[in-house]
Amino acid sequence: MNKLVIEIPYQIKMADSFFKRFKGFMFRKVPIRNEGLWIVPCNAVHMFFMKFPLDIVLLNEQNEVVGVHHSLKPWRMTKPIKEAHSTLELPAGSVSTLGIRMGNKIKCNTQ
């Protein structure tokens, strides 16, 4: 069965070092728009020190969606998902706007 592929139309930065993964979007004052962060490896996130909500998409090693959190608010956290290998942080509302669902395969252009 072919998985529906969702192409993310935003500029996605890769966070694949300890410091980049740790910092993420912390301390940014203005909500992100048309950008995102792909955190690898990562199977859960926290929103400590955040000033705005984010949509969180957890992906397995094949980039298939294994978890979704809509508009996760500051000072919240997600539970770890065993199957997740990476996490995509997107502007709040992106999951609905882009039609991202469990089982979709995600394609991103990363910087």
PDB file of N, CA and C in Angstrom:
ATOM      1  N   MET A   1       0.846  -1.187   0.000  1.00  0.00           N
ATOM      2  CA  MET A   1       0.000   0.000   0.000  1.00  0.00           C
ATOM      3  C   MET A   1       0.892   1.251   0.000  1.00  0.00           C
ATOM      4  N   ASN A   2       0.641   2.164  -0.929  1.00  0.00           N
ATOM      5  CA  ASN A   2       1.413   3.403  -1.006  1.00  0.00           C
ATOM      6  C   ASN A   2       0.953   4.373   0.065  1.00  0.00           C
ATOM      7  N   LYS A   3       1.909   4.988   0.729  1.00  0.00           N
ATOM      8  CA  LYS A   3       1.620   6.004   1.738  1.00  0.00           C
ATOM      9  C   LYS A   3       1.451   7.342   1.028  1.00  0.00           C
ATOM     10  N   LEU A   4       0.506   8.155   1.511  1.00  0.00           N
ATOM     11  CA  LEU A   4       0.343   9.498   0.983  1.00  0.00           C
ATOM     12  C   LEU A   4       1.555  10.324   1.408  1.00  0.00           C
ATOM     13  N   VAL A   5       2.229  10.930   0.448  1.00  0.00           N
ATOM     14  CA  VAL A   5       3.403  11.746   0.728  1.00  0.00           C
ATOM     15  C   VAL A   5       2.971  13.201   0.843  1.00  0.00           C
ATOM     16  N   ILE A   6       3.331  13.815   1.971  1.00  0.00           N
ATOM     17  CA  ILE A   6       3.043  15.230   2.209  1.00  0.00           C
ATOM     18  C   ILE A   6       4.368  15.981   2.096  1.00  0.00           C
ATOM     19  N   GLU A   7       4.419  16.923   1.162  1.00  0.00           N
ATOM     20  CA  GLU A   7       5.625  17.743   1.018  1.00  0.00           C
ATOM     21  C   GLU A   7       5.432  19.017   1.830  1.00  0.00           C
ATOM     22  N   ILE A   8       6.371  19.282   2.720  1.00  0.00           N
ATOM     23  CA  ILE A   8       6.303  20.465   3.585  1.00  0.00           C
ATOM     24  C   ILE A   8       6.821  21.664   2.782  1.00  0.00           C
ATOM     25  N   PRO A   9       5.979  22.706   2.588  1.00  0.00           N
ATOM     26  CA  PRO A   9       6.363  23.830   1.729  1.00  0.00           C
ATOM     27  C   PRO A   9       7.149  24.930   2.436  1.00  0.00           C
ATOM     28  N   TYR A  10       7.706  24.634   3.596  1.00  0.00           N
ATOM     29  CA  TYR A  10       8.433  25.630   4.381  1.00  0.00           C
ATOM     30  C   TYR A  10       9.933  25.370   4.312  1.00  0.00           C
ATOM     31  N   GLN A  11      10.704  26.383   4.679  1.00  0.00           N
ATOM     32  CA  GLN A  11      12.141  26.205   4.867  1.00  0.00           C
ATOM     33  C   GLN A  11      12.335  25.441   6.183  1.00  0.00           C
ATOM     34  N   ILE A  12      12.938  24.293   6.110  1.00  0.00           N
ATOM     35  CA  ILE A  12      13.126  23.452   7.293  1.00  0.00           C
ATOM     36  C   ILE A  12      14.614  23.401   7.641  1.00  0.00           C
ATOM     37  N   LYS A  13      14.931  23.780   8.858  1.00  0.00           N
ATOM     38  CA  LYS A  13      16.307  23.697   9.345  1.00  0.00           C
ATOM     39  C   LYS A  13      16.491  22.367  10.061  1.00  0.00           C
ATOM     40  N   MET A  14      17.651  21.779   9.897  1.00  0.00           N
ATOM     41  CA  MET A  14      17.974  20.509  10.538  1.00  0.00           C
ATOM     42  C   MET A  14      18.653  20.783  11.872  1.00  0.00           C
ATOM     43  N   ALA A  15      18.151  20.144  12.916  1.00  0.00           N
ATOM     44  CA  ALA A  15      18.769  20.219  14.246  1.00  0.00           C
ATOM     45  C   ALA A  15      19.302  18.829  14.561  1.00  0.00           C
ATOM     46  N   ASP A  16      20.572  18.618  14.238  1.00  0.00           N
ATOM     47  CA  ASP A  16      21.150  17.289  14.390  1.00  0.00           C
ATOM     48  C   ASP A  16      22.394  17.281  15.268  1.00  0.00           C
ATOM     49  N   SER A  17      22.584  18.365  16.030  1.00  0.00           N
ATOM     50  CA  SER A  17      23.655  18.390  17.022  1.00  0.00           C
ATOM     51  C   SER A  17      23.013  18.626  18.384  1.00  0.00           C
ATOM     52  N   PHE A  18      23.748  18.328  19.445  1.00  0.00           N
ATOM     53  CA  PHE A  18      23.180  18.490  20.783  1.00  0.00           C
ATOM     54  C   PHE A  18      22.670  19.917  20.991  1.00  0.00           C
ATOM     55  N   PHE A  19      23.485  20.916  20.667  1.00  0.00           N
ATOM     56  CA  PHE A  19      23.099  22.305  20.919  1.00  0.00           C
ATOM     57  C   PHE A  19      21.884  22.709  20.084  1.00  0.00           C
ATOM     58  N   LYS A  20      21.866  22.350  18.809  1.00  0.00           N
ATOM     59  CA  LYS A  20      20.726  22.706  17.946  1.00  0.00           C
ATOM     60  C   LYS A  20      19.449  22.026  18.428  1.00  0.00           C
ATOM     61  N   ARG A  21      19.561  20.762  18.846  1.00  0.00           N
ATOM     62  CA  ARG A  21      18.381  20.047  19.354  1.00  0.00           C
ATOM     63  C   ARG A  21      17.899  20.680  20.650  1.00  0.00           C
ATOM     64  N   PHE A  22      18.829  21.026  21.530  1.00  0.00           N
ATOM     65  CA  PHE A  22      18.470  21.600  22.821  1.00  0.00           C
ATOM     66  C   PHE A  22      17.798  22.961  22.658  1.00  0.00           C
ATOM     67  N   LYS A  23      18.369  23.822  21.823  1.00  0.00           N
ATOM     68  CA  LYS A  23      17.865  25.189  21.679  1.00  0.00           C
ATOM     69  C   LYS A  23      16.547  25.251  20.920  1.00  0.00           C
ATOM     70  N   GLY A  24      16.463  24.549  19.803  1.00  0.00           N
ATOM     71  CA  GLY A  24      15.241  24.578  19.000  1.00  0.00           C
ATOM     72  C   GLY A  24      14.775  26.003  18.743  1.00  0.00           C
ATOM     73  N   PHE A  25      13.505  26.269  19.054  1.00  0.00           N
ATOM     74  CA  PHE A  25      12.940  27.604  18.899  1.00  0.00           C
ATOM     75  C   PHE A  25      12.808  28.333  20.234  1.00  0.00           C
ATOM     76  N   MET A  26      13.485  27.821  21.280  1.00  0.00           N
ATOM     77  CA  MET A  26      13.412  28.483  22.585  1.00  0.00           C
ATOM     78  C   MET A  26      13.871  29.926  22.476  1.00  0.00           C
ATOM     79  N   PHE A  27      13.233  30.764  23.253  1.00  0.00           N
ATOM     80  CA  PHE A  27      13.575  32.183  23.424  1.00  0.00           C
ATOM     81  C   PHE A  27      13.210  33.057  22.224  1.00  0.00           C
ATOM     82  N   ARG A  28      12.676  32.467  21.157  1.00  0.00           N
ATOM     83  CA  ARG A  28      12.208  33.312  20.052  1.00  0.00           C
ATOM     84  C   ARG A  28      10.949  34.026  20.501  1.00  0.00           C
ATOM     85  N   LYS A  29      10.831  35.285  20.170  1.00  0.00           N
ATOM     86  CA  LYS A  29       9.698  36.082  20.641  1.00  0.00           C
ATOM     87  C   LYS A  29       8.511  36.052  19.675  1.00  0.00           C
ATOM     88  N   VAL A  30       8.792  35.933  18.387  1.00  0.00           N
ATOM     89  CA  VAL A  30       7.757  35.996  17.356  1.00  0.00           C
ATOM     90  C   VAL A  30       7.465  34.590  16.848  1.00  0.00           C
ATOM     91  N   PRO A  31       6.182  34.218  16.723  1.00  0.00           N
ATOM     92  CA  PRO A  31       5.857  32.887  16.199  1.00  0.00           C
ATOM     93  C   PRO A  31       6.479  32.640  14.828  1.00  0.00           C
ATOM     94  N   ILE A  32       6.860  31.401  14.586  1.00  0.00           N
ATOM     95  CA  ILE A  32       7.441  31.056  13.287  1.00  0.00           C
ATOM     96  C   ILE A  32       6.352  31.061  12.224  1.00  0.00           C
ATOM     97  N   ARG A  33       6.764  31.386  10.993  1.00  0.00           N
ATOM     98  CA  ARG A  33       5.887  31.355   9.821  1.00  0.00           C
ATOM     99  C   ARG A  33       6.713  30.848   8.654  1.00  0.00           C
ATOM    100  N   ASN A  34       6.168  29.932   7.911  1.00  0.00           N
ATOM    101  CA  ASN A  34       6.844  29.418   6.704  1.00  0.00           C
ATOM    102  C   ASN A  34       8.234  28.862   6.997  1.00  0.00           C
ATOM    103  N   GLU A  35       8.414  28.311   8.178  1.00  0.00           N
ATOM    104  CA  GLU A  35       9.671  27.663   8.525  1.00  0.00           C
ATOM    105  C   GLU A  35       9.386  26.565   9.542  1.00  0.00           C
ATOM    106  N   GLY A  36      10.349  25.706   9.716  1.00  0.00           N
ATOM    107  CA  GLY A  36      10.209  24.637  10.692  1.00  0.00           C
ATOM    108  C   GLY A  36      11.573  24.120  11.103  1.00  0.00           C
ATOM    109  N   LEU A  37      11.552  23.167  12.021  1.00  0.00           N
ATOM    110  CA  LEU A  37      12.778  22.576  12.536  1.00  0.00           C
ATOM    111  C   LEU A  37      12.600  21.070  12.581  1.00  0.00           C
ATOM    112  N   TRP A  38      13.570  20.350  12.014  1.00  0.00           N
ATOM    113  CA  TRP A  38      13.552  18.889  12.019  1.00  0.00           C
ATOM    114  C   TRP A  38      14.618  18.445  13.007  1.00  0.00           C
ATOM    115  N   ILE A  39      14.186  17.846  14.106  1.00  0.00           N
ATOM    116  CA  ILE A  39      15.076  17.454  15.193  1.00  0.00           C
ATOM    117  C   ILE A  39      15.365  15.956  15.084  1.00  0.00           C
ATOM    118  N   VAL A  40      16.656  15.636  14.904  1.00  0.00           N
ATOM    119  CA  VAL A  40      17.084  14.253  14.702  1.00  0.00           C
ATOM    120  C   VAL A  40      18.286  13.957  15.591  1.00  0.00           C
ATOM    121  N   PRO A  41      18.281  12.906  16.390  1.00  0.00           N
ATOM    122  CA  PRO A  41      17.137  12.073  16.754  1.00  0.00           C
ATOM    123  C   PRO A  41      16.292  12.776  17.813  1.00  0.00           C
ATOM    124  N   CYS A  42      15.020  12.393  17.892  1.00  0.00           N
ATOM    125  CA  CYS A  42      14.115  12.986  18.868  1.00  0.00           C
ATOM    126  C   CYS A  42      12.802  12.213  18.868  1.00  0.00           C
ATOM    127  N   ASN A  43      12.359  11.789  20.047  1.00  0.00           N
ATOM    128  CA  ASN A  43      11.075  11.081  20.126  1.00  0.00           C
ATOM    129  C   ASN A  43      10.089  11.759  21.072  1.00  0.00           C
ATOM    130  N   ALA A  44      10.434  12.974  21.552  1.00  0.00           N
ATOM    131  CA  ALA A  44       9.540  13.770  22.410  1.00  0.00           C
ATOM    132  C   ALA A  44      10.111  15.185  22.470  1.00  0.00           C
ATOM    133  N   VAL A  45       9.259  16.162  22.757  1.00  0.00           N
ATOM    134  CA  VAL A  45       9.725  17.550  22.860  1.00  0.00           C
ATOM    135  C   VAL A  45       9.161  18.207  24.114  1.00  0.00           C
ATOM    136  N   HIS A  46       9.821  19.289  24.512  1.00  0.00           N
ATOM    137  CA  HIS A  46       9.296  20.142  25.580  1.00  0.00           C
ATOM    138  C   HIS A  46       9.137  21.544  25.015  1.00  0.00           C
ATOM    139  N   MET A  47       8.247  22.302  25.596  1.00  0.00           N
ATOM    140  CA  MET A  47       7.986  23.667  25.142  1.00  0.00           C
ATOM    141  C   MET A  47       8.395  24.676  26.216  1.00  0.00           C
ATOM    142  N   PHE A  48       9.370  24.309  27.035  1.00  0.00           N
ATOM    143  CA  PHE A  48       9.854  25.210  28.078  1.00  0.00           C
ATOM    144  C   PHE A  48      10.520  26.422  27.425  1.00  0.00           C
ATOM    145  N   PHE A  49      10.287  27.590  27.984  1.00  0.00           N
ATOM    146  CA  PHE A  49      10.846  28.859  27.519  1.00  0.00           C
ATOM    147  C   PHE A  49      10.348  29.277  26.135  1.00  0.00           C
ATOM    148  N   MET A  50       9.278  28.638  25.667  1.00  0.00           N
ATOM    149  CA  MET A  50       8.688  29.025  24.384  1.00  0.00           C
ATOM    150  C   MET A  50       7.680  30.149  24.613  1.00  0.00           C
ATOM    151  N   LYS A  51       7.480  30.963  23.588  1.00  0.00           N
ATOM    152  CA  LYS A  51       6.553  32.094  23.676  1.00  0.00           C
ATOM    153  C   LYS A  51       5.313  31.890  22.804  1.00  0.00           C
ATOM    154  N   PHE A  52       5.267  30.800  22.034  1.00  0.00           N
ATOM    155  CA  PHE A  52       4.162  30.560  21.108  1.00  0.00           C
ATOM    156  C   PHE A  52       3.988  29.054  20.899  1.00  0.00           C
ATOM    157  N   PRO A  53       2.792  28.613  20.501  1.00  0.00           N
ATOM    158  CA  PRO A  53       2.559  27.184  20.271  1.00  0.00           C
ATOM    159  C   PRO A  53       3.171  26.711  18.951  1.00  0.00           C
ATOM    160  N   LEU A  54       3.377  25.413  18.861  1.00  0.00           N
ATOM    161  CA  LEU A  54       3.882  24.771  17.644  1.00  0.00           C
ATOM    162  C   LEU A  54       3.070  23.512  17.361  1.00  0.00           C
ATOM    163  N   ASP A  55       2.984  23.147  16.093  1.00  0.00           N
ATOM    164  CA  ASP A  55       2.505  21.824  15.723  1.00  0.00           C
ATOM    165  C   ASP A  55       3.713  20.898  15.745  1.00  0.00           C
ATOM    166  N   ILE A  56       3.534  19.723  16.332  1.00  0.00           N
ATOM    167  CA  ILE A  56       4.613  18.748  16.482  1.00  0.00           C
ATOM    168  C   ILE A  56       4.234  17.487  15.704  1.00  0.00           C
ATOM    169  N   VAL A  57       5.141  17.043  14.819  1.00  0.00           N
ATOM    170  CA  VAL A  57       4.927  15.825  14.034  1.00  0.00           C
ATOM    171  C   VAL A  57       6.089  14.889  14.323  1.00  0.00           C
ATOM    172  N   LEU A  58       5.789  13.725  14.876  1.00  0.00           N
ATOM    173  CA  LEU A  58       6.812  12.726  15.187  1.00  0.00           C
ATOM    174  C   LEU A  58       6.870  11.711  14.056  1.00  0.00           C
ATOM    175  N   LEU A  59       8.091  11.399  13.628  1.00  0.00           N
ATOM    176  CA  LEU A  59       8.310  10.548  12.461  1.00  0.00           C
ATOM    177  C   LEU A  59       9.164   9.335  12.814  1.00  0.00           C
ATOM    178  N   ASN A  60       8.883   8.214  12.156  1.00  0.00           N
ATOM    179  CA  ASN A  60       9.745   7.042  12.322  1.00  0.00           C
ATOM    180  C   ASN A  60      10.937   7.162  11.366  1.00  0.00           C
ATOM    181  N   GLU A  61      11.763   6.139  11.290  1.00  0.00           N
ATOM    182  CA  GLU A  61      12.971   6.214  10.448  1.00  0.00           C
ATOM    183  C   GLU A  61      12.655   6.270   8.957  1.00  0.00           C
ATOM    184  N   GLN A  62      11.448   5.914   8.560  1.00  0.00           N
ATOM    185  CA  GLN A  62      11.027   6.003   7.153  1.00  0.00           C
ATOM    186  C   GLN A  62      10.295   7.327   6.872  1.00  0.00           C
ATOM    187  N   ASN A  63      10.325   8.246   7.854  1.00  0.00           N
ATOM    188  CA  ASN A  63       9.652   9.556   7.767  1.00  0.00           C
ATOM    189  C   ASN A  63       8.128   9.439   7.674  1.00  0.00           C
ATOM    190  N   GLU A  64       7.592   8.384   8.276  1.00  0.00           N
ATOM    191  CA  GLU A  64       6.145   8.223   8.363  1.00  0.00           C
ATOM    192  C   GLU A  64       5.671   8.789   9.694  1.00  0.00           C
ATOM    193  N   VAL A  65       4.525   9.450   9.668  1.00  0.00           N
ATOM    194  CA  VAL A  65       3.983  10.090  10.855  1.00  0.00           C
ATOM    195  C   VAL A  65       3.515   9.032  11.859  1.00  0.00           C
ATOM    196  N   VAL A  66       4.090   9.089  13.072  1.00  0.00           N
ATOM    197  CA  VAL A  66       3.715   8.166  14.146  1.00  0.00           C
ATOM    198  C   VAL A  66       3.116   8.907  15.345  1.00  0.00           C
ATOM    199  N   GLY A  67       3.069  10.237  15.268  1.00  0.00           N
ATOM    200  CA  GLY A  67       2.478  11.032  16.343  1.00  0.00           C
ATOM    201  C   GLY A  67       2.276  12.467  15.889  1.00  0.00           C
ATOM    202  N   VAL A  68       1.212  13.102  16.384  1.00  0.00           N
ATOM    203  CA  VAL A  68       0.906  14.485  16.023  1.00  0.00           C
ATOM    204  C   VAL A  68       0.384  15.205  17.259  1.00  0.00           C
ATOM    205  N   HIS A  69       0.844  16.439  17.446  1.00  0.00           N
ATOM    206  CA  HIS A  69       0.326  17.311  18.505  1.00  0.00           C
ATOM    207  C   HIS A  69      -0.020  18.649  17.855  1.00  0.00           C
ATOM    208  N   HIS A  70      -1.291  19.021  17.950  1.00  0.00           N
ATOM    209  CA  HIS A  70      -1.761  20.276  17.367  1.00  0.00           C
ATOM    210  C   HIS A  70      -1.549  21.422  18.350  1.00  0.00           C
ATOM    211  N   SER A  71      -0.899  22.476  17.893  1.00  0.00           N
ATOM    212  CA  SER A  71      -0.730  23.714  18.676  1.00  0.00           C
ATOM    213  C   SER A  71      -0.315  23.437  20.123  1.00  0.00           C
ATOM    214  N   LEU A  72       0.777  22.715  20.281  1.00  0.00           N
ATOM    215  CA  LEU A  72       1.300  22.440  21.623  1.00  0.00           C
ATOM    216  C   LEU A  72       1.727  23.762  22.252  1.00  0.00           C
ATOM    217  N   LYS A  73       1.170  24.051  23.400  1.00  0.00           N
ATOM    218  CA  LYS A  73       1.371  25.345  24.046  1.00  0.00           C
ATOM    219  C   LYS A  73       2.692  25.409  24.819  1.00  0.00           C
ATOM    220  N   PRO A  74       3.182  26.652  25.037  1.00  0.00           N
ATOM    221  CA  PRO A  74       4.382  26.820  25.849  1.00  0.00           C
ATOM    222  C   PRO A  74       4.226  26.158  27.222  1.00  0.00           C
ATOM    223  N   TRP A  75       5.349  25.673  27.742  1.00  0.00           N
ATOM    224  CA  TRP A  75       5.451  25.035  29.058  1.00  0.00           C
ATOM    225  C   TRP A  75       4.754  23.679  29.124  1.00  0.00           C
ATOM    226  N   ARG A  76       4.520  23.056  27.972  1.00  0.00           N
ATOM    227  CA  ARG A  76       3.980  21.701  27.911  1.00  0.00           C
ATOM    228  C   ARG A  76       5.075  20.791  27.370  1.00  0.00           C
ATOM    229  N   MET A  77       4.828  19.489  27.447  1.00  0.00           N
ATOM    230  CA  MET A  77       5.752  18.523  26.873  1.00  0.00           C
ATOM    231  C   MET A  77       4.976  17.331  26.342  1.00  0.00           C
ATOM    232  N   THR A  78       5.608  16.589  25.439  1.00  0.00           N
ATOM    233  CA  THR A  78       4.975  15.391  24.897  1.00  0.00           C
ATOM    234  C   THR A  78       5.569  14.167  25.585  1.00  0.00           C
ATOM    235  N   LYS A  79       4.820  13.091  25.555  1.00  0.00           N
ATOM    236  CA  LYS A  79       5.350  11.818  26.036  1.00  0.00           C
ATOM    237  C   LYS A  79       6.200  11.209  24.924  1.00  0.00           C
ATOM    238  N   PRO A  80       7.259  10.513  25.284  1.00  0.00           N
ATOM    239  CA  PRO A  80       8.070   9.855  24.255  1.00  0.00           C
ATOM    240  C   PRO A  80       7.254   8.814  23.490  1.00  0.00           C
ATOM    241  N   ILE A  81       7.500   8.726  22.204  1.00  0.00           N
ATOM    242  CA  ILE A  81       6.884   7.709  21.357  1.00  0.00           C
ATOM    243  C   ILE A  81       8.000   6.778  20.902  1.00  0.00           C
ATOM    244  N   LYS A  82       7.892   5.539  21.293  1.00  0.00           N
ATOM    245  CA  LYS A  82       8.941   4.553  21.051  1.00  0.00           C
ATOM    246  C   LYS A  82       9.309   4.453  19.563  1.00  0.00           C
ATOM    247  N   GLU A  83       8.330   4.504  18.683  1.00  0.00           N
ATOM    248  CA  GLU A  83       8.571   4.346  17.246  1.00  0.00           C
ATOM    249  C   GLU A  83       9.178   5.593  16.600  1.00  0.00           C
ATOM    250  N   ALA A  84       9.132   6.720  17.293  1.00  0.00           N
ATOM    251  CA  ALA A  84       9.602   7.978  16.705  1.00  0.00           C
ATOM    252  C   ALA A  84      11.125   8.036  16.661  1.00  0.00           C
ATOM    253  N   HIS A  85      11.627   8.513  15.546  1.00  0.00           N
ATOM    254  CA  HIS A  85      13.065   8.697  15.361  1.00  0.00           C
ATOM    255  C   HIS A  85      13.412  10.180  15.264  1.00  0.00           C
ATOM    256  N   SER A  86      12.465  10.983  14.772  1.00  0.00           N
ATOM    257  CA  SER A  86      12.705  12.413  14.629  1.00  0.00           C
ATOM    258  C   SER A  86      11.402  13.176  14.841  1.00  0.00           C
ATOM    259  N   THR A  87      11.554  14.497  15.021  1.00  0.00           N
ATOM    260  CA  THR A  87      10.404  15.358  15.276  1.00  0.00           C
ATOM    261  C   THR A  87      10.489  16.576  14.375  1.00  0.00           C
ATOM    262  N   LEU A  88       9.352  16.910  13.794  1.00  0.00           N
ATOM    263  CA  LEU A  88       9.248  18.088  12.944  1.00  0.00           C
ATOM    264  C   LEU A  88       8.406  19.114  13.687  1.00  0.00           C
ATOM    265  N   GLU A  89       8.995  20.296  13.940  1.00  0.00           N
ATOM    266  CA  GLU A  89       8.274  21.388  14.584  1.00  0.00           C
ATOM    267  C   GLU A  89       7.851  22.372  13.504  1.00  0.00           C
ATOM    268  N   LEU A  90       6.550  22.640  13.458  1.00  0.00           N
ATOM    269  CA  LEU A  90       5.972  23.487  12.411  1.00  0.00           C
ATOM    270  C   LEU A  90       5.129  24.592  13.028  1.00  0.00           C
ATOM    271  N   PRO A  91       4.842  25.656  12.258  1.00  0.00           N
ATOM    272  CA  PRO A  91       3.959  26.700  12.780  1.00  0.00           C
ATOM    273  C   PRO A  91       2.614  26.110  13.200  1.00  0.00           C
ATOM    274  N   ALA A  92       2.042  26.644  14.273  1.00  0.00           N
ATOM    275  CA  ALA A  92       0.739  26.181  14.744  1.00  0.00           C
ATOM    276  C   ALA A  92      -0.275  26.272  13.608  1.00  0.00           C
ATOM    277  N   GLY A  93      -1.053  25.221  13.438  1.00  0.00           N
ATOM    278  CA  GLY A  93      -2.061  25.161  12.385  1.00  0.00           C
ATOM    279  C   GLY A  93      -1.592  24.456  11.122  1.00  0.00           C
ATOM    280  N   SER A  94      -0.301  24.189  11.013  1.00  0.00           N
ATOM    281  CA  SER A  94       0.257  23.568   9.802  1.00  0.00           C
ATOM    282  C   SER A  94      -0.257  22.153   9.576  1.00  0.00           C
ATOM    283  N   VAL A  95      -0.407  21.383  10.646  1.00  0.00           N
ATOM    284  CA  VAL A  95      -0.867  19.993  10.505  1.00  0.00           C
ATOM    285  C   VAL A  95      -2.223  19.963   9.809  1.00  0.00           C
ATOM    286  N   SER A  96      -3.140  20.811  10.247  1.00  0.00           N
ATOM    287  CA  SER A  96      -4.469  20.864   9.617  1.00  0.00           C
ATOM    288  C   SER A  96      -4.392  21.433   8.206  1.00  0.00           C
ATOM    289  N   THR A  97      -3.669  22.533   8.051  1.00  0.00           N
ATOM    290  CA  THR A  97      -3.568  23.192   6.745  1.00  0.00           C
ATOM    291  C   THR A  97      -2.967  22.270   5.690  1.00  0.00           C
ATOM    292  N   LEU A  98      -1.935  21.516   6.058  1.00  0.00           N
ATOM    293  CA  LEU A  98      -1.247  20.638   5.111  1.00  0.00           C
ATOM    294  C   LEU A  98      -1.882  19.255   5.014  1.00  0.00           C
ATOM    295  N   GLY A  99      -2.848  18.960   5.867  1.00  0.00           N
ATOM    296  CA  GLY A  99      -3.524  17.662   5.838  1.00  0.00           C
ATOM    297  C   GLY A  99      -2.664  16.514   6.323  1.00  0.00           C
ATOM    298  N   ILE A 100      -1.785  16.779   7.274  1.00  0.00           N
ATOM    299  CA  ILE A 100      -0.896  15.739   7.804  1.00  0.00           C
ATOM    300  C   ILE A 100      -1.694  14.806   8.710  1.00  0.00           C
ATOM    301  N   ARG A 101      -1.582  13.503   8.444  1.00  0.00           N
ATOM    302  CA  ARG A 101      -2.291  12.488   9.218  1.00  0.00           C
ATOM    303  C   ARG A 101      -1.320  11.359   9.597  1.00  0.00           C
ATOM    304  N   MET A 102      -1.723  10.587  10.596  1.00  0.00           N
ATOM    305  CA  MET A 102      -0.951   9.407  10.992  1.00  0.00           C
ATOM    306  C   MET A 102      -0.741   8.513   9.767  1.00  0.00           C
ATOM    307  N   GLY A 103       0.476   8.013   9.612  1.00  0.00           N
ATOM    308  CA  GLY A 103       0.801   7.107   8.511  1.00  0.00           C
ATOM    309  C   GLY A 103       1.282   7.810   7.261  1.00  0.00           C
ATOM    310  N   ASN A 104       1.017   9.130   7.100  1.00  0.00           N
ATOM    311  CA  ASN A 104       1.545   9.865   5.947  1.00  0.00           C
ATOM    312  C   ASN A 104       3.059   9.807   5.949  1.00  0.00           C
ATOM    313  N   LYS A 105       3.642   9.894   4.789  1.00  0.00           N
ATOM    314  CA  LYS A 105       5.101   9.999   4.661  1.00  0.00           C
ATOM    315  C   LYS A 105       5.398  11.479   4.431  1.00  0.00           C
ATOM    316  N   ILE A 106       6.413  11.995   5.126  1.00  0.00           N
ATOM    317  CA  ILE A 106       6.744  13.421   5.065  1.00  0.00           C
ATOM    318  C   ILE A 106       8.009  13.625   4.241  1.00  0.00           C
ATOM    319  N   LYS A 107       7.960  14.632   3.369  1.00  0.00           N
ATOM    320  CA  LYS A 107       9.122  15.018   2.571  1.00  0.00           C
ATOM    321  C   LYS A 107       9.401  16.489   2.845  1.00  0.00           C
ATOM    322  N   CYS A 108      10.675  16.808   3.149  1.00  0.00           N
ATOM    323  CA  CYS A 108      11.078  18.184   3.470  1.00  0.00           C
ATOM    324  C   CYS A 108      12.338  18.528   2.701  1.00  0.00           C
ATOM    325  N   ASN A 109      12.463  19.811   2.389  1.00  0.00           N
ATOM    326  CA  ASN A 109      13.732  20.346   1.891  1.00  0.00           C
ATOM    327  C   ASN A 109      14.395  20.991   3.093  1.00  0.00           C
ATOM    328  N   THR A 110      15.558  20.464   3.482  1.00  0.00           N
ATOM    329  CA  THR A 110      16.215  20.959   4.681  1.00  0.00           C
ATOM    330  C   THR A 110      17.422  21.808   4.330  1.00  0.00           C
ATOM    331  N   GLN A 111      17.763  22.677   5.288  1.00  0.00           N
ATOM    332  CA  GLN A 111      18.947  23.528   5.167  1.00  0.00           C
ATOM    333  C   GLN A 111      20.048  22.956   6.027  1.00  0.00           C
TER     334      GLN A 111
END
